PDB file of N, CA and C in Angstrom:
ATOM      1  N   MET A   1     -13.202 -21.704 -64.128  1.00  0.00           N
ATOM      2  CA  MET A   1     -11.904 -21.104 -63.893  1.00  0.00           C
ATOM      3  C   MET A   1     -11.545 -20.251 -65.114  1.00  0.00           C
ATOM      4  N   ASN A   2     -11.078 -19.014 -64.849  1.00  0.00           N
ATOM      5  CA  ASN A   2     -10.742 -18.154 -65.984  1.00  0.00           C
ATOM      6  C   ASN A   2      -9.373 -18.525 -66.566  1.00  0.00           C
ATOM      7  N   LYS A   3      -9.075 -17.962 -67.708  1.00  0.00           N
ATOM      8  CA  LYS A   3      -7.861 -18.327 -68.449  1.00  0.00           C
ATOM      9  C   LYS A   3      -6.587 -18.034 -67.658  1.00  0.00           C
ATOM     10  N   ALA A   4      -6.538 -16.899 -66.969  1.00  0.00           N
ATOM     11  CA  ALA A   4      -5.348 -16.540 -66.191  1.00  0.00           C
ATOM     12  C   ALA A   4      -5.091 -17.567 -65.084  1.00  0.00           C
ATOM     13  N   HIS A   5      -6.155 -18.008 -64.406  1.00  0.00           N
ATOM     14  CA  HIS A   5      -5.995 -19.017 -63.360  1.00  0.00           C
ATOM     15  C   HIS A   5      -5.524 -20.341 -63.945  1.00  0.00           C
ATOM     16  N   GLU A   6      -6.053 -20.699 -65.103  1.00  0.00           N
ATOM     17  CA  GLU A   6      -5.646 -21.942 -65.756  1.00  0.00           C
ATOM     18  C   GLU A   6      -4.174 -21.894 -66.145  1.00  0.00           C
ATOM     19  N   ILE A   7      -3.723 -20.767 -66.672  1.00  0.00           N
ATOM     20  CA  ILE A   7      -2.309 -20.602 -67.032  1.00  0.00           C
ATOM     21  C   ILE A   7      -1.441 -20.707 -65.780  1.00  0.00           C
ATOM     22  N   GLY A   8      -1.896 -20.091 -64.698  1.00  0.00           N
ATOM     23  CA  GLY A   8      -1.162 -20.160 -63.433  1.00  0.00           C
ATOM     24  C   GLY A   8      -1.052 -21.582 -62.917  1.00  0.00           C
ATOM     25  N   ARG A   9      -2.135 -22.333 -62.982  1.00  0.00           N
ATOM     26  CA  ARG A   9      -2.121 -23.730 -62.533  1.00  0.00           C
ATOM     27  C   ARG A   9      -1.191 -24.577 -63.405  1.00  0.00           C
ATOM     28  N   GLN A  10      -1.222 -24.322 -64.708  1.00  0.00           N
ATOM     29  CA  GLN A  10      -0.312 -25.036 -65.610  1.00  0.00           C
ATOM     30  C   GLN A  10       1.138 -24.744 -65.236  1.00  0.00           C
ATOM     31  N   GLY A  11       1.426 -23.474 -65.001  1.00  0.00           N
ATOM     32  CA  GLY A  11       2.782 -23.072 -64.638  1.00  0.00           C
ATOM     33  C   GLY A  11       3.251 -23.733 -63.353  1.00  0.00           C
ATOM     34  N   GLU A  12       2.383 -23.790 -62.355  1.00  0.00           N
ATOM     35  CA  GLU A  12       2.759 -24.430 -61.102  1.00  0.00           C
ATOM     36  C   GLU A  12       3.015 -25.918 -61.293  1.00  0.00           C
ATOM     37  N   ALA A  13       2.216 -26.581 -62.108  1.00  0.00           N
ATOM     38  CA  ALA A  13       2.434 -28.001 -62.384  1.00  0.00           C
ATOM     39  C   ALA A  13       3.782 -28.213 -63.086  1.00  0.00           C
ATOM     40  N   ILE A  14       4.097 -27.345 -64.026  1.00  0.00           N
ATOM     41  CA  ILE A  14       5.387 -27.424 -64.733  1.00  0.00           C
ATOM     42  C   ILE A  14       6.528 -27.192 -63.752  1.00  0.00           C
ATOM     43  N   ALA A  15       6.375 -26.202 -62.869  1.00  0.00           N
ATOM     44  CA  ALA A  15       7.412 -25.883 -61.887  1.00  0.00           C
ATOM     45  C   ALA A  15       7.623 -27.048 -60.912  1.00  0.00           C
ATOM     46  N   LEU A  16       6.553 -27.698 -60.479  1.00  0.00           N
ATOM     47  CA  LEU A  16       6.671 -28.851 -59.589  1.00  0.00           C
ATOM     48  C   LEU A  16       7.471 -29.969 -60.244  1.00  0.00           C
ATOM     49  N   HIS A  17       7.155 -30.252 -61.493  1.00  0.00           N
ATOM     50  CA  HIS A  17       7.885 -31.286 -62.231  1.00  0.00           C
ATOM     51  C   HIS A  17       9.356 -30.892 -62.402  1.00  0.00           C
ATOM     52  N   PHE A  18       9.593 -29.640 -62.748  1.00  0.00           N
ATOM     53  CA  PHE A  18      10.943 -29.116 -62.928  1.00  0.00           C
ATOM     54  C   PHE A  18      11.768 -29.300 -61.649  1.00  0.00           C
ATOM     55  N   LEU A  19      11.195 -28.901 -60.498  1.00  0.00           N
ATOM     56  CA  LEU A  19      11.908 -29.024 -59.227  1.00  0.00           C
ATOM     57  C   LEU A  19      12.130 -30.488 -58.845  1.00  0.00           C
ATOM     58  N   ALA A  20      11.140 -31.322 -59.093  1.00  0.00           N
ATOM     59  CA  ALA A  20      11.293 -32.752 -58.793  1.00  0.00           C
ATOM     60  C   ALA A  20      12.445 -33.355 -59.609  1.00  0.00           C
ATOM     61  N   CYS A  21      12.576 -32.927 -60.859  1.00  0.00           N
ATOM     62  CA  CYS A  21      13.677 -33.406 -61.707  1.00  0.00           C
ATOM     63  C   CYS A  21      15.030 -32.929 -61.198  1.00  0.00           C
ATOM     64  N   LYS A  22      15.025 -31.819 -60.455  1.00  0.00           N
ATOM     65  CA  LYS A  22      16.262 -31.306 -59.849  1.00  0.00           C
ATOM     66  C   LYS A  22      16.483 -31.881 -58.450  1.00  0.00           C
ATOM     67  N   LYS A  23      15.733 -32.935 -58.128  1.00  0.00           N
ATOM     68  CA  LYS A  23      15.855 -33.661 -56.860  1.00  0.00           C
ATOM     69  C   LYS A  23      15.398 -32.852 -55.638  1.00  0.00           C
ATOM     70  N   HIS A  24      14.466 -31.937 -55.848  1.00  0.00           N
ATOM     71  CA  HIS A  24      13.866 -31.238 -54.712  1.00  0.00           C
ATOM     72  C   HIS A  24      12.778 -32.122 -54.115  1.00  0.00           C
ATOM     73  N   ASN A  25      12.692 -32.122 -52.801  1.00  0.00           N
ATOM     74  CA  ASN A  25      11.600 -32.788 -52.107  1.00  0.00           C
ATOM     75  C   ASN A  25      10.489 -31.743 -51.931  1.00  0.00           C
ATOM     76  N   ILE A  26       9.357 -31.936 -52.574  1.00  0.00           N
ATOM     77  CA  ILE A  26       8.256 -30.975 -52.498  1.00  0.00           C
ATOM     78  C   ILE A  26       7.546 -31.166 -51.163  1.00  0.00           C
ATOM     79  N   LEU A  27       7.527 -30.106 -50.345  1.00  0.00           N
ATOM     80  CA  LEU A  27       6.908 -30.176 -49.026  1.00  0.00           C
ATOM     81  C   LEU A  27       5.495 -29.600 -49.011  1.00  0.00           C
ATOM     82  N   GLU A  28       5.304 -28.501 -49.714  1.00  0.00           N
ATOM     83  CA  GLU A  28       4.006 -27.820 -49.706  1.00  0.00           C
ATOM     84  C   GLU A  28       3.744 -27.207 -51.075  1.00  0.00           C
ATOM     85  N   ARG A  29       2.448 -27.074 -51.357  1.00  0.00           N
ATOM     86  CA  ARG A  29       2.016 -26.367 -52.566  1.00  0.00           C
ATOM     87  C   ARG A  29       0.914 -25.397 -52.147  1.00  0.00           C
ATOM     88  N   ASN A  30       1.043 -24.142 -52.544  1.00  0.00           N
ATOM     89  CA  ASN A  30       0.069 -23.101 -52.212  1.00  0.00           C
ATOM     90  C   ASN A  30      -0.143 -22.995 -50.704  1.00  0.00           C
ATOM     91  N   TRP A  31       0.952 -22.871 -49.975  1.00  0.00           N
ATOM     92  CA  TRP A  31       0.892 -22.771 -48.523  1.00  0.00           C
ATOM     93  C   TRP A  31       0.479 -21.366 -48.125  1.00  0.00           C
ATOM     94  N   ARG A  32      -0.587 -21.273 -47.337  1.00  0.00           N
ATOM     95  CA  ARG A  32      -1.159 -19.977 -46.952  1.00  0.00           C
ATOM     96  C   ARG A  32      -0.905 -19.666 -45.485  1.00  0.00           C
ATOM     97  N   TRP A  33      -0.656 -18.388 -45.252  1.00  0.00           N
ATOM     98  CA  TRP A  33      -0.548 -17.846 -43.905  1.00  0.00           C
ATOM     99  C   TRP A  33      -1.137 -16.449 -43.951  1.00  0.00           C
ATOM    100  N   GLN A  34      -2.129 -16.218 -43.127  1.00  0.00           N
ATOM    101  CA  GLN A  34      -2.890 -14.976 -43.153  1.00  0.00           C
ATOM    102  C   GLN A  34      -3.389 -14.736 -44.581  1.00  0.00           C
ATOM    103  N   LYS A  35      -3.003 -13.612 -45.196  1.00  0.00           N
ATOM    104  CA  LYS A  35      -3.469 -13.335 -46.561  1.00  0.00           C
ATOM    105  C   LYS A  35      -2.403 -13.608 -47.612  1.00  0.00           C
ATOM    106  N   ALA A  36      -1.298 -14.209 -47.206  1.00  0.00           N
ATOM    107  CA  ALA A  36      -0.195 -14.459 -48.128  1.00  0.00           C
ATOM    108  C   ALA A  36      -0.141 -15.934 -48.514  1.00  0.00           C
ATOM    109  N   GLU A  37       0.551 -16.194 -49.620  1.00  0.00           N
ATOM    110  CA  GLU A  37       0.689 -17.565 -50.103  1.00  0.00           C
ATOM    111  C   GLU A  37       2.060 -17.743 -50.741  1.00  0.00           C
ATOM    112  N   ILE A  38       2.633 -18.906 -50.497  1.00  0.00           N
ATOM    113  CA  ILE A  38       3.864 -19.294 -51.177  1.00  0.00           C
ATOM    114  C   ILE A  38       3.489 -20.444 -52.101  1.00  0.00           C
ATOM    115  N   ASP A  39       3.839 -20.304 -53.373  1.00  0.00           N
ATOM    116  CA  ASP A  39       3.426 -21.285 -54.376  1.00  0.00           C
ATOM    117  C   ASP A  39       3.957 -22.683 -54.088  1.00  0.00           C
ATOM    118  N   ILE A  40       5.269 -22.767 -53.848  1.00  0.00           N
ATOM    119  CA  ILE A  40       5.887 -24.076 -53.606  1.00  0.00           C
ATOM    120  C   ILE A  40       6.926 -23.927 -52.500  1.00  0.00           C
ATOM    121  N   ILE A  41       6.927 -24.883 -51.588  1.00  0.00           N
ATOM    122  CA  ILE A  41       7.988 -24.987 -50.596  1.00  0.00           C
ATOM    123  C   ILE A  41       8.624 -26.352 -50.816  1.00  0.00           C
ATOM    124  N   SER A  42       9.938 -26.325 -51.053  1.00  0.00           N
ATOM    125  CA  SER A  42      10.640 -27.585 -51.300  1.00  0.00           C
ATOM    126  C   SER A  42      11.933 -27.600 -50.497  1.00  0.00           C
ATOM    127  N   GLN A  43      12.551 -28.763 -50.480  1.00  0.00           N
ATOM    128  CA  GLN A  43      13.832 -28.878 -49.798  1.00  0.00           C
ATOM    129  C   GLN A  43      14.836 -29.492 -50.748  1.00  0.00           C
ATOM    130  N   ASP A  44      15.963 -28.831 -50.857  1.00  0.00           N
ATOM    131  CA  ASP A  44      17.073 -29.269 -51.700  1.00  0.00           C
ATOM    132  C   ASP A  44      18.247 -29.538 -50.765  1.00  0.00           C
ATOM    133  N   GLU A  45      18.501 -30.795 -50.475  1.00  0.00           N
ATOM    134  CA  GLU A  45      19.499 -31.199 -49.496  1.00  0.00           C
ATOM    135  C   GLU A  45      19.176 -30.546 -48.157  1.00  0.00           C
ATOM    136  N   LYS A  46      19.953 -29.567 -47.706  1.00  0.00           N
ATOM    137  CA  LYS A  46      19.738 -28.955 -46.395  1.00  0.00           C
ATOM    138  C   LYS A  46      19.070 -27.582 -46.474  1.00  0.00           C
ATOM    139  N   THR A  47      18.685 -27.155 -47.649  1.00  0.00           N
ATOM    140  CA  THR A  47      18.115 -25.819 -47.827  1.00  0.00           C
ATOM    141  C   THR A  47      16.618 -25.901 -48.078  1.00  0.00           C
ATOM    142  N   LEU A  48      15.874 -25.078 -47.342  1.00  0.00           N
ATOM    143  CA  LEU A  48      14.445 -24.955 -47.548  1.00  0.00           C
ATOM    144  C   LEU A  48      14.236 -23.859 -48.591  1.00  0.00           C
ATOM    145  N   VAL A  49      13.527 -24.191 -49.654  1.00  0.00           N
ATOM    146  CA  VAL A  49      13.382 -23.278 -50.786  1.00  0.00           C
ATOM    147  C   VAL A  49      11.929 -22.821 -50.895  1.00  0.00           C
ATOM    148  N   PHE A  50      11.734 -21.494 -50.839  1.00  0.00           N
ATOM    149  CA  PHE A  50      10.416 -20.893 -51.002  1.00  0.00           C
ATOM    150  C   PHE A  50      10.356 -20.353 -52.421  1.00  0.00           C
ATOM    151  N   VAL A  51       9.395 -20.845 -53.192  1.00  0.00           N
ATOM    152  CA  VAL A  51       9.369 -20.578 -54.631  1.00  0.00           C
ATOM    153  C   VAL A  51       8.116 -19.798 -55.036  1.00  0.00           C
ATOM    154  N   GLU A  52       8.331 -18.739 -55.773  1.00  0.00           N
ATOM    155  CA  GLU A  52       7.244 -17.999 -56.421  1.00  0.00           C
ATOM    156  C   GLU A  52       7.266 -18.383 -57.898  1.00  0.00           C
ATOM    157  N   VAL A  53       6.121 -18.819 -58.402  1.00  0.00           N
ATOM    158  CA  VAL A  53       6.015 -19.207 -59.808  1.00  0.00           C
ATOM    159  C   VAL A  53       5.223 -18.126 -60.537  1.00  0.00           C
ATOM    160  N   LYS A  54       5.788 -17.620 -61.612  1.00  0.00           N
ATOM    161  CA  LYS A  54       5.105 -16.633 -62.456  1.00  0.00           C
ATOM    162  C   LYS A  54       5.014 -17.205 -63.857  1.00  0.00           C
ATOM    163  N   THR A  55       3.802 -17.268 -64.376  1.00  0.00           N
ATOM    164  CA  THR A  55       3.570 -17.856 -65.689  1.00  0.00           C
ATOM    165  C   THR A  55       2.806 -16.883 -66.554  1.00  0.00           C
ATOM    166  N   ARG A  56       3.218 -16.773 -67.790  1.00  0.00           N
ATOM    167  CA  ARG A  56       2.538 -15.930 -68.771  1.00  0.00           C
ATOM    168  C   ARG A  56       2.427 -16.716 -70.077  1.00  0.00           C
ATOM    169  N   SER A  57       1.478 -16.314 -70.895  1.00  0.00           N
ATOM    170  CA  SER A  57       1.317 -16.960 -72.199  1.00  0.00           C
ATOM    171  C   SER A  57       2.140 -16.258 -73.275  1.00  0.00           C
ATOM    172  N   THR A  58       2.661 -15.078 -72.951  1.00  0.00           N
ATOM    173  CA  THR A  58       3.454 -14.317 -73.908  1.00  0.00           C
ATOM    174  C   THR A  58       4.455 -13.436 -73.161  1.00  0.00           C
ATOM    175  N   GLU A  59       5.486 -13.023 -73.876  1.00  0.00           N
ATOM    176  CA  GLU A  59       6.474 -12.092 -73.305  1.00  0.00           C
ATOM    177  C   GLU A  59       6.199 -10.658 -73.758  1.00  0.00           C
ATOM    178  N   ARG A  60       5.061 -10.462 -74.381  1.00  0.00           N
ATOM    179  CA  ARG A  60       4.714  -9.165 -74.948  1.00  0.00           C
ATOM    180  C   ARG A  60       4.823  -8.022 -73.932  1.00  0.00           C
ATOM    181  N   TYR A  61       4.425  -8.263 -72.704  1.00  0.00           N
ATOM    182  CA  TYR A  61       4.415  -7.210 -71.686  1.00  0.00           C
ATOM    183  C   TYR A  61       5.580  -7.324 -70.712  1.00  0.00           C
ATOM    184  N   GLY A  62       6.542  -8.180 -71.014  1.00  0.00           N
ATOM    185  CA  GLY A  62       7.707  -8.352 -70.160  1.00  0.00           C
ATOM    186  C   GLY A  62       7.825  -9.786 -69.671  1.00  0.00           C
ATOM    187  N   GLN A  63       8.927 -10.049 -69.024  1.00  0.00           N
ATOM    188  CA  GLN A  63       9.185 -11.374 -68.465  1.00  0.00           C
ATOM    189  C   GLN A  63       8.332 -11.578 -67.215  1.00  0.00           C
ATOM    190  N   PRO A  64       7.858 -12.785 -66.994  1.00  0.00           N
ATOM    191  CA  PRO A  64       7.039 -13.033 -65.805  1.00  0.00           C
ATOM    192  C   PRO A  64       7.721 -12.606 -64.510  1.00  0.00           C
ATOM    193  N   LYS A  65       9.023 -12.825 -64.398  1.00  0.00           N
ATOM    194  CA  LYS A  65       9.743 -12.487 -63.162  1.00  0.00           C
ATOM    195  C   LYS A  65       9.684 -10.999 -62.842  1.00  0.00           C
ATOM    196  N   GLU A  66       9.437 -10.164 -63.848  1.00  0.00           N
ATOM    197  CA  GLU A  66       9.378  -8.722 -63.649  1.00  0.00           C
ATOM    198  C   GLU A  66       8.119  -8.287 -62.908  1.00  0.00           C
ATOM    199  N   PHE A  67       7.175  -9.190 -62.713  1.00  0.00           N
ATOM    200  CA  PHE A  67       5.908  -8.862 -62.076  1.00  0.00           C
ATOM    201  C   PHE A  67       5.895  -9.177 -60.580  1.00  0.00           C
ATOM    202  N   ILE A  68       7.061  -9.391 -59.995  1.00  0.00           N
ATOM    203  CA  ILE A  68       7.147  -9.629 -58.561  1.00  0.00           C
ATOM    204  C   ILE A  68       7.558  -8.322 -57.894  1.00  0.00           C
ATOM    205  N   SER A  69       6.655  -7.798 -57.107  1.00  0.00           N
ATOM    206  CA  SER A  69       6.857  -6.493 -56.470  1.00  0.00           C
ATOM    207  C   SER A  69       7.653  -6.627 -55.171  1.00  0.00           C
ATOM    208  N   LEU A  70       8.120  -5.493 -54.678  1.00  0.00           N
ATOM    209  CA  LEU A  70       8.795  -5.471 -53.383  1.00  0.00           C
ATOM    210  C   LEU A  70       7.831  -5.908 -52.282  1.00  0.00           C
ATOM    211  N   ARG A  71       6.569  -5.569 -52.437  1.00  0.00           N
ATOM    212  CA  ARG A  71       5.538  -5.989 -51.474  1.00  0.00           C
ATOM    213  C   ARG A  71       5.429  -7.513 -51.450  1.00  0.00           C
ATOM    214  N   LYS A  72       5.443  -8.142 -52.623  1.00  0.00           N
ATOM    215  CA  LYS A  72       5.371  -9.604 -52.702  1.00  0.00           C
ATOM    216  C   LYS A  72       6.594 -10.229 -52.035  1.00  0.00           C
ATOM    217  N   GLU A  73       7.763  -9.658 -52.265  1.00  0.00           N
ATOM    218  CA  GLU A  73       8.981 -10.160 -51.625  1.00  0.00           C
ATOM    219  C   GLU A  73       8.840 -10.113 -50.103  1.00  0.00           C
ATOM    220  N   ALA A  74       8.360  -8.983 -49.584  1.00  0.00           N
ATOM    221  CA  ALA A  74       8.194  -8.828 -48.137  1.00  0.00           C
ATOM    222  C   ALA A  74       7.192  -9.845 -47.593  1.00  0.00           C
ATOM    223  N   LEU A  75       6.089 -10.049 -48.303  1.00  0.00           N
ATOM    224  CA  LEU A  75       5.092 -11.035 -47.878  1.00  0.00           C
ATOM    225  C   LEU A  75       5.669 -12.448 -47.877  1.00  0.00           C
ATOM    226  N   MET A  76       6.471 -12.761 -48.881  1.00  0.00           N
ATOM    227  CA  MET A  76       7.081 -14.095 -48.933  1.00  0.00           C
ATOM    228  C   MET A  76       8.011 -14.309 -47.745  1.00  0.00           C
ATOM    229  N   LYS A  77       8.787 -13.285 -47.409  1.00  0.00           N
ATOM    230  CA  LYS A  77       9.706 -13.406 -46.268  1.00  0.00           C
ATOM    231  C   LYS A  77       8.940 -13.594 -44.968  1.00  0.00           C
ATOM    232  N   GLU A  78       7.877 -12.815 -44.762  1.00  0.00           N
ATOM    233  CA  GLU A  78       7.057 -12.952 -43.558  1.00  0.00           C
ATOM    234  C   GLU A  78       6.416 -14.336 -43.486  1.00  0.00           C
ATOM    235  N   THR A  79       5.908 -14.797 -44.614  1.00  0.00           N
ATOM    236  CA  THR A  79       5.247 -16.095 -44.671  1.00  0.00           C
ATOM    237  C   THR A  79       6.246 -17.223 -44.421  1.00  0.00           C
ATOM    238  N   ALA A  80       7.445 -17.082 -44.955  1.00  0.00           N
ATOM    239  CA  ALA A  80       8.497 -18.071 -44.724  1.00  0.00           C
ATOM    240  C   ALA A  80       8.857 -18.142 -43.244  1.00  0.00           C
ATOM    241  N   GLU A  81       8.966 -16.982 -42.606  1.00  0.00           N
ATOM    242  CA  GLU A  81       9.259 -16.956 -41.170  1.00  0.00           C
ATOM    243  C   GLU A  81       8.162 -17.678 -40.387  1.00  0.00           C
ATOM    244  N   ALA A  82       6.907 -17.454 -40.773  1.00  0.00           N
ATOM    245  CA  ALA A  82       5.789 -18.123 -40.112  1.00  0.00           C
ATOM    246  C   ALA A  82       5.875 -19.635 -40.314  1.00  0.00           C
ATOM    247  N   TYR A  83       6.199 -20.064 -41.531  1.00  0.00           N
ATOM    248  CA  TYR A  83       6.319 -21.493 -41.833  1.00  0.00           C
ATOM    249  C   TYR A  83       7.396 -22.138 -40.957  1.00  0.00           C
ATOM    250  N   LEU A  84       8.540 -21.470 -40.858  1.00  0.00           N
ATOM    251  CA  LEU A  84       9.631 -21.993 -40.042  1.00  0.00           C
ATOM    252  C   LEU A  84       9.211 -22.100 -38.575  1.00  0.00           C
ATOM    253  N   GLU A  85       8.539 -21.072 -38.077  1.00  0.00           N
ATOM    254  CA  GLU A  85       8.115 -21.060 -36.678  1.00  0.00           C
ATOM    255  C   GLU A  85       7.049 -22.125 -36.406  1.00  0.00           C
ATOM    256  N   ILE A  86       6.036 -22.183 -37.244  1.00  0.00           N
ATOM    257  CA  ILE A  86       4.946 -23.155 -37.068  1.00  0.00           C
ATOM    258  C   ILE A  86       5.471 -24.586 -37.095  1.00  0.00           C
ATOM    259  N   ASN A  87       6.430 -24.848 -37.983  1.00  0.00           N
ATOM    260  CA  ASN A  87       6.970 -26.202 -38.144  1.00  0.00           C
ATOM    261  C   ASN A  87       8.224 -26.455 -37.311  1.00  0.00           C
ATOM    262  N   GLU A  88       8.585 -25.463 -36.493  1.00  0.00           N
ATOM    263  CA  GLU A  88       9.750 -25.567 -35.613  1.00  0.00           C
ATOM    264  C   GLU A  88      10.997 -26.030 -36.365  1.00  0.00           C
ATOM    265  N   LEU A  89      11.288 -25.329 -37.451  1.00  0.00           N
ATOM    266  CA  LEU A  89      12.430 -25.673 -38.297  1.00  0.00           C
ATOM    267  C   LEU A  89      13.544 -24.645 -38.144  1.00  0.00           C
ATOM    268  N   GLU A  90      14.752 -25.137 -38.188  1.00  0.00           N
ATOM    269  CA  GLU A  90      15.924 -24.264 -38.195  1.00  0.00           C
ATOM    270  C   GLU A  90      16.811 -24.717 -39.350  1.00  0.00           C
ATOM    271  N   LEU A  91      16.458 -24.279 -40.529  1.00  0.00           N
ATOM    272  CA  LEU A  91      17.188 -24.651 -41.739  1.00  0.00           C
ATOM    273  C   LEU A  91      17.625 -23.408 -42.479  1.00  0.00           C
ATOM    274  N   GLU A  92      18.625 -23.567 -43.313  1.00  0.00           N
ATOM    275  CA  GLU A  92      19.001 -22.498 -44.223  1.00  0.00           C
ATOM    276  C   GLU A  92      17.869 -22.344 -45.230  1.00  0.00           C
ATOM    277  N   VAL A  93      17.529 -21.105 -45.573  1.00  0.00           N
ATOM    278  CA  VAL A  93      16.439 -20.873 -46.525  1.00  0.00           C
ATOM    279  C   VAL A  93      16.925 -20.041 -47.703  1.00  0.00           C
ATOM    280  N   CYS A  94      16.212 -20.168 -48.806  1.00  0.00           N
ATOM    281  CA  CYS A  94      16.429 -19.288 -49.948  1.00  0.00           C
ATOM    282  C   CYS A  94      15.096 -19.076 -50.652  1.00  0.00           C
ATOM    283  N   PHE A  95      15.055 -18.025 -51.445  1.00  0.00           N
ATOM    284  CA  PHE A  95      13.852 -17.654 -52.172  1.00  0.00           C
ATOM    285  C   PHE A  95      14.160 -17.707 -53.661  1.00  0.00           C
ATOM    286  N   ASP A  96      13.400 -18.510 -54.379  1.00  0.00           N
ATOM    287  CA  ASP A  96      13.592 -18.677 -55.809  1.00  0.00           C
ATOM    288  C   ASP A  96      12.381 -18.178 -56.577  1.00  0.00           C
ATOM    289  N   ILE A  97      12.609 -17.859 -57.830  1.00  0.00           N
ATOM    290  CA  ILE A  97      11.526 -17.530 -58.756  1.00  0.00           C
ATOM    291  C   ILE A  97      11.646 -18.497 -59.930  1.00  0.00           C
ATOM    292  N   ILE A  98      10.530 -19.083 -60.293  1.00  0.00           N
ATOM    293  CA  ILE A  98      10.487 -19.853 -61.529  1.00  0.00           C
ATOM    294  C   ILE A  98       9.568 -19.093 -62.468  1.00  0.00           C
ATOM    295  N   SER A  99      10.167 -18.630 -63.551  1.00  0.00           N
ATOM    296  CA  SER A  99       9.479 -17.821 -64.551  1.00  0.00           C
ATOM    297  C   SER A  99       9.191 -18.714 -65.759  1.00  0.00           C
ATOM    298  N   ILE A 100       7.913 -18.786 -66.150  1.00  0.00           N
ATOM    299  CA  ILE A 100       7.525 -19.675 -67.238  1.00  0.00           C
ATOM    300  C   ILE A 100       6.722 -18.899 -68.276  1.00  0.00           C
ATOM    301  N   VAL A 101       7.115 -19.058 -69.533  1.00  0.00           N
ATOM    302  CA  VAL A 101       6.348 -18.506 -70.648  1.00  0.00           C
ATOM    303  C   VAL A 101       5.892 -19.696 -71.489  1.00  0.00           C
ATOM    304  N   LEU A 102       4.579 -19.777 -71.691  1.00  0.00           N
ATOM    305  CA  LEU A 102       4.012 -20.878 -72.473  1.00  0.00           C
ATOM    306  C   LEU A 102       3.868 -20.426 -73.922  1.00  0.00           C
ATOM    307  N   LYS A 103       4.844 -20.762 -74.730  1.00  0.00           N
ATOM    308  CA  LYS A 103       4.816 -20.387 -76.152  1.00  0.00           C
ATOM    309  C   LYS A 103       4.339 -21.571 -76.969  1.00  0.00           C
ATOM    310  N   ASN A 104       3.182 -21.432 -77.560  1.00  0.00           N
ATOM    311  CA  ASN A 104       2.624 -22.491 -78.404  1.00  0.00           C
ATOM    312  C   ASN A 104       2.635 -23.849 -77.707  1.00  0.00           C
ATOM    313  N   GLY A 105       2.335 -23.832 -76.398  1.00  0.00           N
ATOM    314  CA  GLY A 105       2.264 -25.073 -75.647  1.00  0.00           C
ATOM    315  C   GLY A 105       3.594 -25.582 -75.136  1.00  0.00           C
ATOM    316  N   THR A 106       4.697 -24.972 -75.544  1.00  0.00           N
ATOM    317  CA  THR A 106       6.019 -25.385 -75.089  1.00  0.00           C
ATOM    318  C   THR A 106       6.514 -24.403 -74.031  1.00  0.00           C
ATOM    319  N   PRO A 107       6.763 -24.867 -72.815  1.00  0.00           N
ATOM    320  CA  PRO A 107       7.186 -23.944 -71.764  1.00  0.00           C
ATOM    321  C   PRO A 107       8.649 -23.526 -71.888  1.00  0.00           C
ATOM    322  N   LYS A 108       8.864 -22.237 -71.693  1.00  0.00           N
ATOM    323  CA  LYS A 108      10.219 -21.695 -71.581  1.00  0.00           C
ATOM    324  C   LYS A 108      10.399 -21.388 -70.102  1.00  0.00           C
ATOM    325  N   ILE A 109      11.314 -22.122 -69.463  1.00  0.00           N
ATOM    326  CA  ILE A 109      11.481 -22.047 -68.012  1.00  0.00           C
ATOM    327  C   ILE A 109      12.788 -21.352 -67.665  1.00  0.00           C
ATOM    328  N   GLU A 110      12.689 -20.408 -66.721  1.00  0.00           N
ATOM    329  CA  GLU A 110      13.877 -19.755 -66.180  1.00  0.00           C
ATOM    330  C   GLU A 110      13.802 -19.891 -64.668  1.00  0.00           C
ATOM    331  N   HIS A 111      14.824 -20.491 -64.076  1.00  0.00           N
ATOM    332  CA  HIS A 111      14.866 -20.705 -62.628  1.00  0.00           C
ATOM    333  C   HIS A 111      15.897 -19.747 -62.042  1.00  0.00           C
ATOM    334  N   LEU A 112      15.416 -18.784 -61.294  1.00  0.00           N
ATOM    335  CA  LEU A 112      16.288 -17.812 -60.626  1.00  0.00           C
ATOM    336  C   LEU A 112      16.406 -18.210 -59.163  1.00  0.00           C
ATOM    337  N   GLU A 113      17.617 -18.532 -58.756  1.00  0.00           N
ATOM    338  CA  GLU A 113      17.830 -19.056 -57.406  1.00  0.00           C
ATOM    339  C   GLU A 113      18.335 -17.983 -56.454  1.00  0.00           C
ATOM    340  N   ASN A 114      17.843 -18.067 -55.211  1.00  0.00           N
ATOM    341  CA  ASN A 114      18.277 -17.187 -54.128  1.00  0.00           C
ATOM    342  C   ASN A 114      18.222 -15.718 -54.536  1.00  0.00           C
ATOM    343  N   VAL A 115      17.063 -15.269 -54.996  1.00  0.00           N
ATOM    344  CA  VAL A 115      16.918 -13.936 -55.577  1.00  0.00           C
ATOM    345  C   VAL A 115      16.752 -12.811 -54.568  1.00  0.00           C
ATOM    346  N   PHE A 116      16.263 -13.107 -53.376  1.00  0.00           N
ATOM    347  CA  PHE A 116      16.148 -12.062 -52.337  1.00  0.00           C
ATOM    348  C   PHE A 116      16.180 -12.684 -50.969  1.00  0.00           C
TER     349      PHE A 116
END
């Protein structure tokens, strides 16, 4: 596994722990539909939360959250619709971003809720 993939896996593990501490029920991890993927699907009370996790080892090139394109947003929405349909769910949904920078092994976490 290359370094970028390892950093991504670390970030997702940190995000899972972070959400669990916020009392989210983790439903799925790396849920795929067609060619798209949602990193984490969780439920917070009555809201289904679709989460994109972005992790970087440095802020040198910008904040991780800045690397989410309009195309990625559209794919997440399509994938979320598929998840709801496949699982026959009618819940309120939101889309969150968890941005993580790993500075000297200490994660700096920013949780942006209901971003699009």
